[in-house]
Amino acid sequence: MQTMVNAAGKARCQQAIKDAVPYLRAELGSDVEVAGEPTEMLYELVGEDRAGNPLAEVATTFPVRWRGGQGVAKARGRIVWPRGTLELQQLWLDGRELRMRAMLPEADPAA
């Protein structure tokens, strides 16, 4: 079942997918790629932080593939304003939660 989201929410869900890929590559190998459209997207305002800034929850489920197989990933994060940046909080692959370890930025292939 796909949850409908507005254009801003869809962009945030796409951002969550993009942010999740380096973690998936660290777990599964450098050839991990998104293998289709998200099957679920959620973007909803969930309240305020202690400073009164709005909080939004973002979650998306999407197919991935790599040399060793394929699976379904789910990423969940939170957006806090005024910065408005997405903080990825949890990531699952086929129902198994992956450890979110510190990552180095990926090398720019154009460089």
N, C-alpha and C. Protein backbone atom coordinates (compact mmCIF):
# COMPACT_ATOMS: atom_id res chain seq x y z
N MET A 1 0.84 -1.18 0.00
CA MET A 1 0.00 0.00 0.00
C MET A 1 0.89 1.24 0.00
N GLN A 2 0.60 2.17 -0.88
CA GLN A 2 1.41 3.38 -0.98
C GLN A 2 0.67 4.54 -0.32
N THR A 3 1.36 5.23 0.58
CA THR A 3 0.80 6.40 1.23
C THR A 3 1.03 7.60 0.33
N MET A 4 0.01 8.39 0.11
CA MET A 4 0.15 9.57 -0.73
C MET A 4 0.84 10.68 0.06
N VAL A 5 1.74 11.39 -0.60
CA VAL A 5 2.42 12.52 0.01
C VAL A 5 2.41 13.67 -0.97
N ASN A 6 2.58 14.89 -0.44
CA ASN A 6 2.63 16.05 -1.33
C ASN A 6 4.00 16.13 -2.00
N ALA A 7 4.19 17.09 -2.88
CA ALA A 7 5.44 17.21 -3.63
C ALA A 7 6.64 17.39 -2.71
N ALA A 8 6.51 18.20 -1.67
CA ALA A 8 7.62 18.39 -0.73
C ALA A 8 7.94 17.09 -0.02
N GLY A 9 6.90 16.36 0.38
CA GLY A 9 7.11 15.08 1.04
C GLY A 9 7.77 14.07 0.12
N LYS A 10 7.38 14.04 -1.14
CA LYS A 10 7.98 13.12 -2.10
C LYS A 10 9.46 13.42 -2.25
N ALA A 11 9.81 14.71 -2.32
CA ALA A 11 11.22 15.09 -2.44
C ALA A 11 12.00 14.64 -1.21
N ARG A 12 11.41 14.75 -0.03
CA ARG A 12 12.09 14.32 1.20
C ARG A 12 12.26 12.80 1.23
N CYS A 13 11.28 12.07 0.73
CA CYS A 13 11.39 10.61 0.65
C CYS A 13 12.51 10.22 -0.31
N GLN A 14 12.61 10.92 -1.44
CA GLN A 14 13.69 10.66 -2.39
C GLN A 14 15.05 10.98 -1.75
N GLN A 15 15.08 12.03 -0.93
CA GLN A 15 16.31 12.38 -0.23
C GLN A 15 16.68 11.27 0.75
N ALA A 16 15.71 10.70 1.45
CA ALA A 16 15.98 9.61 2.39
C ALA A 16 16.58 8.41 1.66
N ILE A 17 16.06 8.11 0.47
CA ILE A 17 16.61 7.01 -0.33
C ILE A 17 18.06 7.31 -0.69
N LYS A 18 18.30 8.51 -1.18
CA LYS A 18 19.66 8.91 -1.57
C LYS A 18 20.61 8.83 -0.37
N ASP A 19 20.15 9.29 0.79
CA ASP A 19 20.99 9.26 1.99
C ASP A 19 21.23 7.84 2.49
N ALA A 20 20.32 6.91 2.21
CA ALA A 20 20.44 5.53 2.67
C ALA A 20 21.43 4.71 1.85
N VAL A 21 21.61 5.07 0.59
CA VAL A 21 22.45 4.26 -0.31
C VAL A 21 23.88 4.06 0.21
N PRO A 22 24.58 5.08 0.72
CA PRO A 22 25.94 4.83 1.23
C PRO A 22 25.97 3.81 2.37
N TYR A 23 24.97 3.81 3.22
CA TYR A 23 24.90 2.82 4.30
C TYR A 23 24.67 1.42 3.74
N LEU A 24 23.81 1.31 2.74
CA LEU A 24 23.57 0.02 2.10
C LEU A 24 24.83 -0.47 1.40
N ARG A 25 25.56 0.44 0.77
CA ARG A 25 26.82 0.05 0.11
C ARG A 25 27.86 -0.42 1.12
N ALA A 26 27.90 0.23 2.29
CA ALA A 26 28.84 -0.20 3.33
C ALA A 26 28.51 -1.61 3.81
N GLU A 27 27.24 -1.95 3.81
CA GLU A 27 26.79 -3.27 4.28
C GLU A 27 26.91 -4.34 3.19
N LEU A 28 26.59 -3.98 1.94
CA LEU A 28 26.42 -4.99 0.89
C LEU A 28 27.43 -4.93 -0.25
N GLY A 29 28.15 -3.83 -0.37
CA GLY A 29 29.11 -3.68 -1.46
C GLY A 29 28.81 -2.46 -2.30
N SER A 30 29.81 -2.05 -3.06
CA SER A 30 29.73 -0.78 -3.79
C SER A 30 28.77 -0.81 -4.97
N ASP A 31 28.28 -1.99 -5.35
CA ASP A 31 27.40 -2.06 -6.52
C ASP A 31 25.91 -1.96 -6.18
N VAL A 32 25.58 -1.64 -4.94
CA VAL A 32 24.17 -1.49 -4.56
C VAL A 32 23.54 -0.36 -5.36
N GLU A 33 22.33 -0.61 -5.86
CA GLU A 33 21.59 0.44 -6.56
C GLU A 33 20.11 0.31 -6.26
N VAL A 34 19.42 1.44 -6.34
CA VAL A 34 17.97 1.45 -6.18
C VAL A 34 17.39 0.80 -7.43
N ALA A 35 16.46 -0.14 -7.24
CA ALA A 35 16.00 -0.99 -8.34
C ALA A 35 14.56 -0.69 -8.76
N GLY A 36 14.09 0.51 -8.50
CA GLY A 36 12.73 0.84 -8.90
C GLY A 36 12.16 1.95 -8.03
N GLU A 37 10.88 2.18 -8.20
CA GLU A 37 10.19 3.24 -7.48
C GLU A 37 9.89 2.81 -6.04
N PRO A 38 9.78 3.78 -5.12
CA PRO A 38 9.39 3.45 -3.75
C PRO A 38 8.02 2.77 -3.73
N THR A 39 7.87 1.81 -2.84
CA THR A 39 6.58 1.14 -2.69
C THR A 39 5.77 1.77 -1.56
N GLU A 40 6.43 2.57 -0.73
CA GLU A 40 5.75 3.25 0.36
C GLU A 40 6.48 4.56 0.63
N MET A 41 5.72 5.63 0.86
CA MET A 41 6.30 6.91 1.23
C MET A 41 5.42 7.55 2.30
N LEU A 42 6.06 8.05 3.34
CA LEU A 42 5.34 8.72 4.41
C LEU A 42 6.06 10.01 4.74
N TYR A 43 5.32 11.09 4.84
CA TYR A 43 5.86 12.38 5.25
C TYR A 43 4.76 13.04 6.07
N GLU A 44 5.02 13.20 7.36
CA GLU A 44 3.98 13.82 8.18
C GLU A 44 4.58 14.66 9.30
N LEU A 45 3.91 15.76 9.58
CA LEU A 45 4.31 16.60 10.71
C LEU A 45 3.92 15.87 11.98
N VAL A 46 4.86 15.79 12.93
CA VAL A 46 4.61 15.00 14.14
C VAL A 46 4.70 15.80 15.43
N GLY A 47 4.86 17.10 15.35
CA GLY A 47 4.92 17.91 16.56
C GLY A 47 6.02 18.95 16.49
N GLU A 48 6.54 19.28 17.66
CA GLU A 48 7.58 20.30 17.77
C GLU A 48 8.70 19.82 18.68
N ASP A 49 9.91 20.37 18.45
CA ASP A 49 11.00 20.08 19.37
C ASP A 49 10.89 21.01 20.57
N ARG A 50 11.84 20.94 21.48
CA ARG A 50 11.78 21.76 22.71
C ARG A 50 11.81 23.25 22.44
N ALA A 51 12.40 23.64 21.32
CA ALA A 51 12.49 25.06 20.96
C ALA A 51 11.26 25.54 20.19
N GLY A 52 10.31 24.64 19.97
CA GLY A 52 9.10 25.02 19.25
C GLY A 52 9.20 24.88 17.74
N ASN A 53 10.29 24.31 17.25
CA ASN A 53 10.45 24.10 15.81
C ASN A 53 9.66 22.87 15.36
N PRO A 54 9.00 22.94 14.21
CA PRO A 54 8.23 21.79 13.74
C PRO A 54 9.12 20.59 13.42
N LEU A 55 8.60 19.40 13.67
CA LEU A 55 9.27 18.15 13.35
C LEU A 55 8.45 17.40 12.30
N ALA A 56 9.11 16.77 11.37
CA ALA A 56 8.43 15.93 10.38
C ALA A 56 9.10 14.57 10.35
N GLU A 57 8.28 13.55 10.21
CA GLU A 57 8.75 12.16 10.09
C GLU A 57 8.75 11.79 8.61
N VAL A 58 9.81 11.13 8.16
CA VAL A 58 9.92 10.68 6.78
C VAL A 58 10.23 9.18 6.82
N ALA A 59 9.50 8.40 6.04
CA ALA A 59 9.79 6.97 5.91
C ALA A 59 9.50 6.56 4.48
N THR A 60 10.34 5.70 3.95
CA THR A 60 10.14 5.21 2.59
C THR A 60 10.67 3.79 2.46
N THR A 61 9.99 3.01 1.67
CA THR A 61 10.38 1.62 1.39
C THR A 61 10.66 1.52 -0.11
N PHE A 62 11.79 0.88 -0.47
CA PHE A 62 12.19 0.87 -1.87
C PHE A 62 13.01 -0.39 -2.18
N PRO A 63 12.93 -0.86 -3.44
CA PRO A 63 13.69 -2.05 -3.83
C PRO A 63 15.15 -1.70 -4.13
N VAL A 64 16.04 -2.62 -3.78
CA VAL A 64 17.47 -2.47 -4.08
C VAL A 64 18.00 -3.78 -4.66
N ARG A 65 19.10 -3.65 -5.40
CA ARG A 65 19.77 -4.86 -5.89
C ARG A 65 21.28 -4.62 -5.83
N TRP A 66 22.00 -5.72 -5.78
CA TRP A 66 23.45 -5.71 -5.76
C TRP A 66 23.91 -7.03 -6.35
N ARG A 67 25.19 -7.18 -6.53
CA ARG A 67 25.73 -8.37 -7.18
C ARG A 67 25.24 -9.65 -6.52
N GLY A 68 25.10 -9.65 -5.21
CA GLY A 68 24.72 -10.86 -4.48
C GLY A 68 23.23 -11.09 -4.36
N GLY A 69 22.41 -10.19 -4.85
CA GLY A 69 20.97 -10.42 -4.73
C GLY A 69 20.15 -9.15 -4.85
N GLN A 70 18.99 -9.22 -4.26
CA GLN A 70 18.07 -8.09 -4.25
C GLN A 70 17.27 -8.12 -2.97
N GLY A 71 16.66 -6.99 -2.63
CA GLY A 71 15.89 -6.93 -1.41
C GLY A 71 15.07 -5.66 -1.34
N VAL A 72 14.48 -5.46 -0.18
CA VAL A 72 13.66 -4.29 0.07
C VAL A 72 14.25 -3.54 1.25
N ALA A 73 14.54 -2.26 1.04
CA ALA A 73 15.09 -1.41 2.09
C ALA A 73 14.01 -0.46 2.59
N LYS A 74 14.12 -0.10 3.85
CA LYS A 74 13.23 0.90 4.43
C LYS A 74 14.09 1.87 5.22
N ALA A 75 13.91 3.16 4.94
CA ALA A 75 14.65 4.22 5.62
C ALA A 75 13.67 5.09 6.39
N ARG A 76 14.07 5.49 7.59
CA ARG A 76 13.24 6.38 8.41
C ARG A 76 14.11 7.49 8.94
N GLY A 77 13.58 8.71 8.88
CA GLY A 77 14.33 9.86 9.36
C GLY A 77 13.41 10.94 9.89
N ARG A 78 14.03 12.01 10.32
CA ARG A 78 13.30 13.12 10.91
C ARG A 78 13.88 14.42 10.38
N ILE A 79 12.99 15.39 10.16
CA ILE A 79 13.40 16.72 9.72
C ILE A 79 13.03 17.70 10.82
N VAL A 80 13.99 18.55 11.19
CA VAL A 80 13.76 19.58 12.19
C VAL A 80 14.03 20.93 11.55
N TRP A 81 13.08 21.83 11.67
CA TRP A 81 13.28 23.19 11.18
C TRP A 81 13.84 24.03 12.31
N PRO A 82 14.53 25.13 12.10
CA PRO A 82 14.62 25.86 10.85
C PRO A 82 15.67 25.32 9.88
N ARG A 83 16.55 24.43 10.31
CA ARG A 83 17.57 23.91 9.37
C ARG A 83 16.93 23.17 8.21
N GLY A 84 15.96 22.36 8.51
CA GLY A 84 15.26 21.62 7.46
C GLY A 84 16.04 20.46 6.88
N THR A 85 17.10 20.02 7.57
CA THR A 85 17.88 18.90 7.05
C THR A 85 17.29 17.58 7.53
N LEU A 86 17.43 16.58 6.70
CA LEU A 86 16.95 15.24 7.03
C LEU A 86 18.03 14.51 7.82
N GLU A 87 17.64 13.95 8.95
CA GLU A 87 18.55 13.12 9.74
C GLU A 87 18.05 11.69 9.65
N LEU A 88 18.77 10.86 8.92
CA LEU A 88 18.40 9.45 8.79
C LEU A 88 18.59 8.78 10.14
N GLN A 89 17.56 8.10 10.64
CA GLN A 89 17.62 7.52 11.98
C GLN A 89 17.69 6.00 11.98
N GLN A 90 16.98 5.36 11.06
CA GLN A 90 16.97 3.90 11.03
C GLN A 90 16.92 3.42 9.59
N LEU A 91 17.51 2.25 9.37
CA LEU A 91 17.54 1.65 8.04
C LEU A 91 17.40 0.15 8.19
N TRP A 92 16.51 -0.43 7.40
CA TRP A 92 16.29 -1.87 7.42
C TRP A 92 16.52 -2.43 6.03
N LEU A 93 16.93 -3.68 5.96
CA LEU A 93 17.01 -4.42 4.71
C LEU A 93 16.31 -5.75 4.94
N ASP A 94 15.25 -5.98 4.19
CA ASP A 94 14.45 -7.21 4.32
C ASP A 94 14.05 -7.47 5.77
N GLY A 95 13.66 -6.40 6.48
CA GLY A 95 13.18 -6.52 7.85
C GLY A 95 14.26 -6.55 8.91
N ARG A 96 15.53 -6.58 8.53
CA ARG A 96 16.64 -6.61 9.48
C ARG A 96 17.21 -5.20 9.60
N GLU A 97 17.27 -4.69 10.84
CA GLU A 97 17.80 -3.34 11.03
C GLU A 97 19.31 -3.34 10.86
N LEU A 98 19.79 -2.39 10.06
CA LEU A 98 21.22 -2.24 9.83
C LEU A 98 21.80 -1.25 10.83
N ARG A 99 23.02 -1.49 11.23
CA ARG A 99 23.70 -0.58 12.15
C ARG A 99 24.11 0.67 11.38
N MET A 100 23.70 1.82 11.87
CA MET A 100 24.02 3.09 11.21
C MET A 100 25.38 3.55 11.73
N ARG A 101 26.43 3.22 11.00
CA ARG A 101 27.77 3.62 11.42
C ARG A 101 28.19 4.88 10.68
N ALA A 102 29.18 5.55 11.25
CA ALA A 102 29.67 6.79 10.62
C ALA A 102 30.21 6.46 9.23
N MET A 103 29.88 7.31 8.29
CA MET A 103 30.27 7.09 6.90
C MET A 103 31.09 8.27 6.40
N LEU A 104 32.05 7.96 5.56
CA LEU A 104 32.77 9.01 4.84
C LEU A 104 31.96 9.35 3.61
N PRO A 105 31.99 10.60 3.16
CA PRO A 105 31.27 10.94 1.93
C PRO A 105 31.80 10.11 0.76
N GLU A 106 30.89 9.75 -0.14
CA GLU A 106 31.30 9.01 -1.32
C GLU A 106 32.12 9.91 -2.24
N ALA A 107 33.06 9.30 -2.93
CA ALA A 107 33.86 10.06 -3.89
C ALA A 107 32.98 10.50 -5.04
N ASP A 108 33.22 11.70 -5.52
CA ASP A 108 32.48 12.23 -6.66
C ASP A 108 32.99 11.55 -7.93
N PRO A 109 32.13 10.78 -8.64
CA PRO A 109 32.60 10.09 -9.83
C PRO A 109 33.07 11.03 -10.94
N ALA A 110 32.62 12.28 -10.92
CA ALA A 110 33.02 13.26 -11.93
C ALA A 110 34.41 13.82 -11.65
N ALA A 111 34.90 13.61 -10.43
CA ALA A 111 36.20 14.20 -10.06
C ALA A 111 37.36 13.41 -10.61
